[in-house]
PDB file of N, CA and C in Angstrom:
ATOM      1  N   MET A   1      31.515  -0.274 106.972  1.00  0.00           N
ATOM      2  CA  MET A   1      32.328  -0.167 108.077  1.00  0.00           C
ATOM      3  C   MET A   1      31.458   0.212 109.217  1.00  0.00           C
ATOM      4  N   MET A   2      31.260  -0.379 110.250  1.00  0.00           N
ATOM      5  CA  MET A   2      30.569  -0.207 111.425  1.00  0.00           C
ATOM      6  C   MET A   2      31.385   0.221 112.665  1.00  0.00           C
ATOM      7  N   PHE A   3      30.975   1.143 113.461  1.00  0.00           N
ATOM      8  CA  PHE A   3      31.749   1.278 114.549  1.00  0.00           C
ATOM      9  C   PHE A   3      31.437   0.407 115.797  1.00  0.00           C
ATOM     10  N   LYS A   4      32.411   0.460 116.712  1.00  0.00           N
ATOM     11  CA  LYS A   4      32.429  -0.751 117.785  1.00  0.00           C
ATOM     12  C   LYS A   4      31.192  -0.684 118.719  1.00  0.00           C
ATOM     13  N   ASN A   5      30.446   0.464 118.909  1.00  0.00           N
ATOM     14  CA  ASN A   5      29.352   0.486 119.791  1.00  0.00           C
ATOM     15  C   ASN A   5      27.978   0.639 118.990  1.00  0.00           C
ATOM     16  N   LYS A   6      28.107   0.352 117.576  1.00  0.00           N
ATOM     17  CA  LYS A   6      26.989   0.327 116.799  1.00  0.00           C
ATOM     18  C   LYS A   6      26.277   1.599 116.829  1.00  0.00           C
ATOM     19  N   THR A   7      26.791   2.805 116.836  1.00  0.00           N
ATOM     20  CA  THR A   7      26.167   4.034 116.865  1.00  0.00           C
ATOM     21  C   THR A   7      26.475   4.685 115.543  1.00  0.00           C
ATOM     22  N   GLY A   8      27.128   4.066 114.645  1.00  0.00           N
ATOM     23  CA  GLY A   8      27.444   4.847 113.298  1.00  0.00           C
ATOM     24  C   GLY A   8      28.279   3.892 112.344  1.00  0.00           C
ATOM     25  N   ALA A   9      28.145   4.284 111.180  1.00  0.00           N
ATOM     26  CA  ALA A   9      29.039   3.514 110.266  1.00  0.00           C
ATOM     27  C   ALA A   9      29.318   4.469 109.169  1.00  0.00           C
ATOM     28  N   LEU A  10      30.352   4.119 108.337  1.00  0.00           N
ATOM     29  CA  LEU A  10      30.781   4.606 107.210  1.00  0.00           C
ATOM     30  C   LEU A  10      30.269   4.117 105.839  1.00  0.00           C
ATOM     31  N   HIS A  11      29.612   4.614 105.018  1.00  0.00           N
ATOM     32  CA  HIS A  11      28.844   3.957 103.935  1.00  0.00           C
ATOM     33  C   HIS A  11      29.460   4.354 102.504  1.00  0.00           C
ATOM     34  N   LEU A  12      30.200   3.406 101.780  1.00  0.00           N
ATOM     35  CA  LEU A  12      30.658   3.863 100.443  1.00  0.00           C
ATOM     36  C   LEU A  12      29.739   3.217  99.510  1.00  0.00           C
ATOM     37  N   PHE A  13      29.584   3.918  98.504  1.00  0.00           N
ATOM     38  CA  PHE A  13      28.639   3.633  97.253  1.00  0.00           C
ATOM     39  C   PHE A  13      29.275   3.853  95.755  1.00  0.00           C
ATOM     40  N   PRO A  14      30.166   3.015  95.456  1.00  0.00           N
ATOM     41  CA  PRO A  14      30.697   3.287  93.998  1.00  0.00           C
ATOM     42  C   PRO A  14      29.527   2.900  93.068  1.00  0.00           C
ATOM     43  N   GLU A  15      29.707   3.415  91.989  1.00  0.00           N
ATOM     44  CA  GLU A  15      28.651   3.111  90.898  1.00  0.00           C
ATOM     45  C   GLU A  15      29.212   3.341  89.439  1.00  0.00           C
ATOM     46  N   TYR A  16      28.871   2.577  88.503  1.00  0.00           N
ATOM     47  CA  TYR A  16      29.309   2.846  87.137  1.00  0.00           C
ATOM     48  C   TYR A  16      28.022   2.341  86.175  1.00  0.00           C
ATOM     49  N   SER A  17      27.505   3.605  85.608  1.00  0.00           N
ATOM     50  CA  SER A  17      26.246   3.671  84.874  1.00  0.00           C
ATOM     51  C   SER A  17      26.599   3.612  83.552  1.00  0.00           C
ATOM     52  N   MET A  18      25.895   2.429  82.818  1.00  0.00           N
ATOM     53  CA  MET A  18      25.987   2.259  81.446  1.00  0.00           C
ATOM     54  C   MET A  18      24.694   2.442  80.932  1.00  0.00           C
ATOM     55  N   THR A  19      24.400   3.468  80.048  1.00  0.00           N
ATOM     56  CA  THR A  19      23.316   3.818  79.394  1.00  0.00           C
ATOM     57  C   THR A  19      23.234   3.905  77.929  1.00  0.00           C
ATOM     58  N   GLU A  20      22.412   3.915  77.058  1.00  0.00           N
ATOM     59  CA  GLU A  20      22.286   4.197  75.630  1.00  0.00           C
ATOM     60  C   GLU A  20      22.412   5.554  75.284  1.00  0.00           C
ATOM     61  N   LYS A  21      21.589   6.385  76.072  1.00  0.00           N
ATOM     62  CA  LYS A  21      21.560   7.886  75.800  1.00  0.00           C
ATOM     63  C   LYS A  21      22.633   8.610  75.949  1.00  0.00           C
ATOM     64  N   ILE A  22      23.225   8.539  77.108  1.00  0.00           N
ATOM     65  CA  ILE A  22      24.545   9.190  77.524  1.00  0.00           C
ATOM     66  C   ILE A  22      25.629   8.364  77.637  1.00  0.00           C
ATOM     67  N   LYS A  23      26.950   8.804  77.854  1.00  0.00           N
ATOM     68  CA  LYS A  23      28.094   8.194  77.892  1.00  0.00           C
ATOM     69  C   LYS A  23      28.230   7.480  79.387  1.00  0.00           C
ATOM     70  N   ASN A  24      28.814   6.384  79.341  1.00  0.00           N
ATOM     71  CA  ASN A  24      28.962   5.667  80.554  1.00  0.00           C
ATOM     72  C   ASN A  24      29.635   6.766  81.677  1.00  0.00           C
ATOM     73  N   THR A  25      29.224   6.657  82.923  1.00  0.00           N
ATOM     74  CA  THR A  25      29.761   7.268  84.029  1.00  0.00           C
ATOM     75  C   THR A  25      30.179   6.836  85.259  1.00  0.00           C
ATOM     76  N   LEU A  26      31.293   7.285  85.762  1.00  0.00           N
ATOM     77  CA  LEU A  26      31.649   6.772  87.106  1.00  0.00           C
ATOM     78  C   LEU A  26      31.261   7.745  88.312  1.00  0.00           C
ATOM     79  N   ASN A  27      30.640   7.180  88.959  1.00  0.00           N
ATOM     80  CA  ASN A  27      30.158   7.959  90.258  1.00  0.00           C
ATOM     81  C   ASN A  27      30.637   7.190  91.526  1.00  0.00           C
ATOM     82  N   PHE A  28      30.965   8.132  92.523  1.00  0.00           N
ATOM     83  CA  PHE A  28      31.313   7.603  93.819  1.00  0.00           C
ATOM     84  C   PHE A  28      30.688   8.411  94.970  1.00  0.00           C
ATOM     85  N   GLY A  29      30.119   7.610  95.954  1.00  0.00           N
ATOM     86  CA  GLY A  29      29.450   8.375  97.168  1.00  0.00           C
ATOM     87  C   GLY A  29      30.084   7.902  98.463  1.00  0.00           C
ATOM     88  N   ILE A  30      29.787   8.741  99.380  1.00  0.00           N
ATOM     89  CA  ILE A  30      30.485   8.250 100.769  1.00  0.00           C
ATOM     90  C   ILE A  30      29.532   9.002 101.712  1.00  0.00           C
ATOM     91  N   GLY A  31      29.047   8.482 102.767  1.00  0.00           N
ATOM     92  CA  GLY A  31      28.321   8.749 103.666  1.00  0.00           C
ATOM     93  C   GLY A  31      28.667   8.197 105.080  1.00  0.00           C
ATOM     94  N   PHE A  32      28.273   9.256 106.132  1.00  0.00           N
ATOM     95  CA  PHE A  32      28.528   8.983 107.343  1.00  0.00           C
ATOM     96  C   PHE A  32      27.230   8.761 108.077  1.00  0.00           C
ATOM     97  N   SER A  33      26.873   7.581 108.769  1.00  0.00           N
ATOM     98  CA  SER A  33      25.532   7.247 109.197  1.00  0.00           C
ATOM     99  C   SER A  33      25.639   7.344 110.813  1.00  0.00           C
ATOM    100  N   LEU A  34      24.658   7.787 111.552  1.00  0.00           N
ATOM    101  CA  LEU A  34      24.468   7.959 112.996  1.00  0.00           C
ATOM    102  C   LEU A  34      23.166   7.044 113.231  1.00  0.00           C
ATOM    103  N   PHE A  35      23.137   6.213 114.190  1.00  0.00           N
ATOM    104  CA  PHE A  35      22.042   5.514 114.502  1.00  0.00           C
ATOM    105  C   PHE A  35      21.586   6.065 115.964  1.00  0.00           C
ATOM    106  N   PHE A  36      20.310   6.226 115.859  1.00  0.00           N
ATOM    107  CA  PHE A  36      19.744   6.424 117.287  1.00  0.00           C
ATOM    108  C   PHE A  36      18.801   5.534 117.798  1.00  0.00           C
ATOM    109  N   ARG A  37      19.302   5.011 118.921  1.00  0.00           N
ATOM    110  CA  ARG A  37      18.791   3.709 119.454  1.00  0.00           C
ATOM    111  C   ARG A  37      17.401   3.864 120.569  1.00  0.00           C
ATOM    112  N   ASN A  38      16.600   2.852 120.559  1.00  0.00           N
ATOM    113  CA  ASN A  38      15.531   2.878 121.521  1.00  0.00           C
ATOM    114  C   ASN A  38      16.124   2.208 122.528  1.00  0.00           C
ATOM    115  N   LYS A  39      16.035   2.950 123.620  1.00  0.00           N
ATOM    116  CA  LYS A  39      16.515   2.290 124.959  1.00  0.00           C
ATOM    117  C   LYS A  39      15.799   1.267 125.610  1.00  0.00           C
ATOM    118  N   LYS A  40      14.450   1.200 125.118  1.00  0.00           N
ATOM    119  CA  LYS A  40      13.803  -0.067 125.644  1.00  0.00           C
ATOM    120  C   LYS A  40      14.060  -1.377 125.147  1.00  0.00           C
ATOM    121  N   ASP A  41      14.228  -1.452 123.710  1.00  0.00           N
ATOM    122  CA  ASP A  41      14.576  -2.781 123.274  1.00  0.00           C
ATOM    123  C   ASP A  41      16.121  -2.811 122.522  1.00  0.00           C
ATOM    124  N   ASP A  42      16.620  -1.752 122.674  1.00  0.00           N
ATOM    125  CA  ASP A  42      17.996  -1.543 121.853  1.00  0.00           C
ATOM    126  C   ASP A  42      17.926  -1.838 120.367  1.00  0.00           C
ATOM    127  N   SER A  43      16.744  -1.270 119.821  1.00  0.00           N
ATOM    128  CA  SER A  43      16.697  -1.392 118.325  1.00  0.00           C
ATOM    129  C   SER A  43      16.974   0.006 117.856  1.00  0.00           C
ATOM    130  N   ASN A  44      17.148   0.179 116.633  1.00  0.00           N
ATOM    131  CA  ASN A  44      17.564   1.616 115.944  1.00  0.00           C
ATOM    132  C   ASN A  44      15.911   2.022 115.729  1.00  0.00           C
ATOM    133  N   SER A  45      15.866   3.533 116.204  1.00  0.00           N
ATOM    134  CA  SER A  45      14.621   4.104 116.122  1.00  0.00           C
ATOM    135  C   SER A  45      14.768   5.007 114.839  1.00  0.00           C
ATOM    136  N   ILE A  46      15.768   5.725 114.692  1.00  0.00           N
ATOM    137  CA  ILE A  46      16.082   6.633 113.500  1.00  0.00           C
ATOM    138  C   ILE A  46      17.379   6.557 113.052  1.00  0.00           C
ATOM    139  N   ASN A  47      17.564   6.442 111.709  1.00  0.00           N
ATOM    140  CA  ASN A  47      19.065   6.569 110.914  1.00  0.00           C
ATOM    141  C   ASN A  47      19.180   7.799 110.314  1.00  0.00           C
ATOM    142  N   THR A  48      20.312   8.458 110.542  1.00  0.00           N
ATOM    143  CA  THR A  48      20.599   9.731 109.793  1.00  0.00           C
ATOM    144  C   THR A  48      21.885   9.302 108.981  1.00  0.00           C
ATOM    145  N   GLU A  49      22.015  10.227 107.735  1.00  0.00           N
ATOM    146  CA  GLU A  49      23.283   9.947 107.053  1.00  0.00           C
ATOM    147  C   GLU A  49      23.460  11.275 106.277  1.00  0.00           C
ATOM    148  N   LEU A  50      24.861  11.846 106.567  1.00  0.00           N
ATOM    149  CA  LEU A  50      25.490  12.946 105.874  1.00  0.00           C
ATOM    150  C   LEU A  50      26.163  12.191 104.651  1.00  0.00           C
ATOM    151  N   TYR A  51      25.868  12.642 103.584  1.00  0.00           N
ATOM    152  CA  TYR A  51      26.413  12.001 102.241  1.00  0.00           C
ATOM    153  C   TYR A  51      26.915  12.875 101.242  1.00  0.00           C
ATOM    154  N   VAL A  52      27.759  12.591 100.542  1.00  0.00           N
ATOM    155  CA  VAL A  52      28.155  13.201  99.298  1.00  0.00           C
ATOM    156  C   VAL A  52      28.138  12.105  98.132  1.00  0.00           C
ATOM    157  N   ASN A  53      27.613  12.282  96.973  1.00  0.00           N
ATOM    158  CA  ASN A  53      27.615  11.668  95.873  1.00  0.00           C
ATOM    159  C   ASN A  53      28.092  12.264  94.620  1.00  0.00           C
ATOM    160  N   LEU A  54      29.380  11.896  94.402  1.00  0.00           N
ATOM    161  CA  LEU A  54      30.149  12.677  93.175  1.00  0.00           C
ATOM    162  C   LEU A  54      29.831  11.955  91.941  1.00  0.00           C
ATOM    163  N   LEU A  55      29.053  12.809  91.287  1.00  0.00           N
ATOM    164  CA  LEU A  55      28.497  12.280  89.936  1.00  0.00           C
ATOM    165  C   LEU A  55      29.579  12.520  88.807  1.00  0.00           C
ATOM    166  N   ASP A  56      29.420  11.426  87.794  1.00  0.00           N
ATOM    167  CA  ASP A  56      30.387  11.719  86.548  1.00  0.00           C
ATOM    168  C   ASP A  56      31.891  12.233  86.949  1.00  0.00           C
ATOM    169  N   LEU A  57      32.637  11.299  87.559  1.00  0.00           N
ATOM    170  CA  LEU A  57      33.904  11.824  88.005  1.00  0.00           C
ATOM    171  C   LEU A  57      34.859  12.090  86.817  1.00  0.00           C
ATOM    172  N   LYS A  58      34.808  11.524  85.818  1.00  0.00           N
ATOM    173  CA  LYS A  58      35.551  11.906  84.804  1.00  0.00           C
ATOM    174  C   LYS A  58      35.007  12.899  83.708  1.00  0.00           C
ATOM    175  N   ASN A  59      33.970  13.357  84.109  1.00  0.00           N
ATOM    176  CA  ASN A  59      33.135  14.201  83.120  1.00  0.00           C
ATOM    177  C   ASN A  59      32.924  13.943  81.759  1.00  0.00           C
ATOM    178  N   LYS A  60      32.756  12.646  81.499  1.00  0.00           N
ATOM    179  CA  LYS A  60      32.333  12.161  80.221  1.00  0.00           C
ATOM    180  C   LYS A  60      31.248  12.815  79.391  1.00  0.00           C
ATOM    181  N   ASN A  61      30.334  13.425  79.914  1.00  0.00           N
ATOM    182  CA  ASN A  61      29.266  14.062  79.353  1.00  0.00           C
ATOM    183  C   ASN A  61      29.617  15.459  79.078  1.00  0.00           C
ATOM    184  N   MET A  62      30.780  15.807  79.384  1.00  0.00           N
ATOM    185  CA  MET A  62      31.207  17.300  78.981  1.00  0.00           C
ATOM    186  C   MET A  62      30.412  18.371  79.532  1.00  0.00           C
ATOM    187  N   ASN A  63      30.032  18.092  80.935  1.00  0.00           N
ATOM    188  CA  ASN A  63      29.075  19.132  81.689  1.00  0.00           C
ATOM    189  C   ASN A  63      29.983  20.286  81.902  1.00  0.00           C
ATOM    190  N   GLN A  64      29.364  21.552  81.624  1.00  0.00           N
ATOM    191  CA  GLN A  64      30.054  22.736  82.160  1.00  0.00           C
ATOM    192  C   GLN A  64      30.416  22.965  83.627  1.00  0.00           C
ATOM    193  N   ASN A  65      29.588  22.207  84.440  1.00  0.00           N
ATOM    194  CA  ASN A  65      29.758  22.614  85.936  1.00  0.00           C
ATOM    195  C   ASN A  65      30.963  21.884  86.445  1.00  0.00           C
ATOM    196  N   GLY A  66      31.242  22.199  87.447  1.00  0.00           N
ATOM    197  CA  GLY A  66      32.465  21.569  88.088  1.00  0.00           C
ATOM    198  C   GLY A  66      31.933  20.356  88.882  1.00  0.00           C
ATOM    199  N   LEU A  67      32.859  19.510  89.429  1.00  0.00           N
ATOM    200  CA  LEU A  67      32.523  18.179  90.086  1.00  0.00           C
ATOM    201  C   LEU A  67      31.451  18.572  91.252  1.00  0.00           C
ATOM    202  N   PHE A  68      31.604  19.324  92.170  1.00  0.00           N
ATOM    203  CA  PHE A  68      30.854  19.602  93.202  1.00  0.00           C
ATOM    204  C   PHE A  68      29.529  20.065  92.825  1.00  0.00           C
ATOM    205  N   GLN A  69      29.591  20.897  91.775  1.00  0.00           N
ATOM    206  CA  GLN A  69      28.213  21.733  91.287  1.00  0.00           C
ATOM    207  C   GLN A  69      27.334  20.450  90.480  1.00  0.00           C
ATOM    208  N   ARG A  70      27.966  19.401  89.961  1.00  0.00           N
ATOM    209  CA  ARG A  70      26.937  18.486  89.293  1.00  0.00           C
ATOM    210  C   ARG A  70      26.720  17.551  90.083  1.00  0.00           C
ATOM    211  N   SER A  71      27.255  17.530  91.506  1.00  0.00           N
ATOM    212  CA  SER A  71      27.046  16.287  92.510  1.00  0.00           C
ATOM    213  C   SER A  71      25.859  16.448  93.310  1.00  0.00           C
ATOM    214  N   ASP A  72      25.640  15.390  94.079  1.00  0.00           N
ATOM    215  CA  ASP A  72      24.551  15.481  94.949  1.00  0.00           C
ATOM    216  C   ASP A  72      24.876  15.221  96.593  1.00  0.00           C
ATOM    217  N   TYR A  73      24.681  16.119  97.501  1.00  0.00           N
ATOM    218  CA  TYR A  73      24.890  15.971  98.836  1.00  0.00           C
ATOM    219  C   TYR A  73      24.091  16.322  99.790  1.00  0.00           C
ATOM    220  N   GLY A  74      23.773  16.033 100.897  1.00  0.00           N
ATOM    221  CA  GLY A  74      22.775  16.239 101.764  1.00  0.00           C
ATOM    222  C   GLY A  74      22.820  15.332 103.026  1.00  0.00           C
ATOM    223  N   LEU A  75      21.492  15.313 103.708  1.00  0.00           N
ATOM    224  CA  LEU A  75      21.208  14.674 104.836  1.00  0.00           C
ATOM    225  C   LEU A  75      19.943  13.684 104.525  1.00  0.00           C
ATOM    226  N   ARG A  76      20.130  12.386 104.984  1.00  0.00           N
ATOM    227  CA  ARG A  76      19.050  11.508 104.584  1.00  0.00           C
ATOM    228  C   ARG A  76      18.527  10.843 106.021  1.00  0.00           C
ATOM    229  N   PHE A  77      17.347  10.713 106.214  1.00  0.00           N
ATOM    230  CA  PHE A  77      16.690  10.064 107.517  1.00  0.00           C
ATOM    231  C   PHE A  77      16.064   8.932 107.098  1.00  0.00           C
ATOM    232  N   SER A  78      16.069   7.775 107.737  1.00  0.00           N
ATOM    233  CA  SER A  78      15.301   6.646 107.442  1.00  0.00           C
ATOM    234  C   SER A  78      14.857   6.062 108.810  1.00  0.00           C
ATOM    235  N   PHE A  79      13.782   5.163 108.924  1.00  0.00           N
ATOM    236  CA  PHE A  79      13.009   4.872 109.835  1.00  0.00           C
ATOM    237  C   PHE A  79      12.976   3.311 109.822  1.00  0.00           C
ATOM    238  N   PRO A  80      13.875   2.654 110.550  1.00  0.00           N
ATOM    239  CA  PRO A  80      13.724   1.198 110.217  1.00  0.00           C
ATOM    240  C   PRO A  80      12.507   0.550 110.957  1.00  0.00           C
ATOM    241  N   ILE A  81      12.123  -0.671 110.214  1.00  0.00           N
ATOM    242  CA  ILE A  81      10.892  -1.517 110.526  1.00  0.00           C
ATOM    243  C   ILE A  81      11.340  -2.571 111.252  1.00  0.00           C
ATOM    244  N   ASN A  82      10.969  -2.714 112.574  1.00  0.00           N
ATOM    245  CA  ASN A  82      11.441  -3.669 113.454  1.00  0.00           C
ATOM    246  C   ASN A  82      10.141  -4.772 113.680  1.00  0.00           C
ATOM    247  N   LEU A  83      10.317  -5.981 112.988  1.00  0.00           N
ATOM    248  CA  LEU A  83       9.230  -6.847 113.265  1.00  0.00           C
ATOM    249  C   LEU A  83       9.453  -7.817 114.309  1.00  0.00           C
ATOM    250  N   LYS A  84       8.493  -7.888 115.256  1.00  0.00           N
ATOM    251  CA  LYS A  84       8.578  -8.671 116.397  1.00  0.00           C
ATOM    252  C   LYS A  84       8.038 -10.073 116.054  1.00  0.00           C
ATOM    253  N   ASN A  85       8.760 -11.059 116.824  1.00  0.00           N
ATOM    254  CA  ASN A  85       8.508 -12.436 116.485  1.00  0.00           C
ATOM    255  C   ASN A  85       8.289 -13.042 117.777  1.00  0.00           C
ATOM    256  N   ASN A  86       7.128 -13.509 118.290  1.00  0.00           N
ATOM    257  CA  ASN A  86       6.747 -14.001 119.393  1.00  0.00           C
ATOM    258  C   ASN A  86       7.144 -15.448 119.728  1.00  0.00           C
ATOM    259  N   ASN A  87       7.570 -16.284 118.706  1.00  0.00           N
ATOM    260  CA  ASN A  87       7.931 -17.594 118.841  1.00  0.00           C
ATOM    261  C   ASN A  87       9.339 -17.996 119.090  1.00  0.00           C
ATOM    262  N   GLY A  88      10.111 -16.797 119.209  1.00  0.00           N
ATOM    263  CA  GLY A  88      11.447 -16.998 119.659  1.00  0.00           C
ATOM    264  C   GLY A  88      12.404 -17.295 118.263  1.00  0.00           C
ATOM    265  N   HIS A  89      12.084 -17.322 117.118  1.00  0.00           N
ATOM    266  CA  HIS A  89      12.731 -17.385 115.987  1.00  0.00           C
ATOM    267  C   HIS A  89      13.671 -16.230 115.659  1.00  0.00           C
ATOM    268  N   GLY A  90      14.905 -16.377 115.332  1.00  0.00           N
ATOM    269  CA  GLY A  90      15.774 -15.280 115.037  1.00  0.00           C
ATOM    270  C   GLY A  90      16.320 -14.409 116.068  1.00  0.00           C
ATOM    271  N   LYS A  91      15.933 -14.981 117.446  1.00  0.00           N
ATOM    272  CA  LYS A  91      16.697 -14.124 118.567  1.00  0.00           C
ATOM    273  C   LYS A  91      17.753 -14.928 119.367  1.00  0.00           C
ATOM    274  N   GLY A  92      18.228 -16.120 118.664  1.00  0.00           N
ATOM    275  CA  GLY A  92      19.238 -16.606 119.244  1.00  0.00           C
ATOM    276  C   GLY A  92      18.793 -17.851 120.262  1.00  0.00           C
ATOM    277  N   LYS A  93      17.568 -17.965 120.224  1.00  0.00           N
ATOM    278  CA  LYS A  93      17.153 -19.001 121.354  1.00  0.00           C
ATOM    279  C   LYS A  93      17.155 -20.270 120.702  1.00  0.00           C
ATOM    280  N   ASN A  94      17.000 -21.369 121.524  1.00  0.00           N
ATOM    281  CA  ASN A  94      17.001 -22.603 121.015  1.00  0.00           C
ATOM    282  C   ASN A  94      15.430 -22.917 120.672  1.00  0.00           C
ATOM    283  N   THR A  95      15.057 -23.385 119.598  1.00  0.00           N
ATOM    284  CA  THR A  95      13.655 -23.566 119.297  1.00  0.00           C
ATOM    285  C   THR A  95      13.137 -25.063 119.098  1.00  0.00           C
ATOM    286  N   LYS A  96      13.944 -26.036 119.693  1.00  0.00           N
ATOM    287  CA  LYS A  96      13.541 -27.347 119.403  1.00  0.00           C
ATOM    288  C   LYS A  96      12.490 -27.789 120.271  1.00  0.00           C
TER     289      LYS A  96
END
């Protein structure tokens, strides 16, 4: 879900893991992303995300730790790669 002015988004990432060595687990993550824009060309320069990833929601592996103790949470940073195209393709221009 993207915000109206493209400065942030809500990121949901459900996951069901099936492996042979441990029992199947249901995980669920949620993150709030903020996008910092480059004022020169209106592209993203840095993306940040505050996230929580709840691991093994039903505790199928009988872990002694509580849900928040066995889960993953933190802050992610990403740097998008913006490829420039000088022939006009991909920019909404008529290329006939």
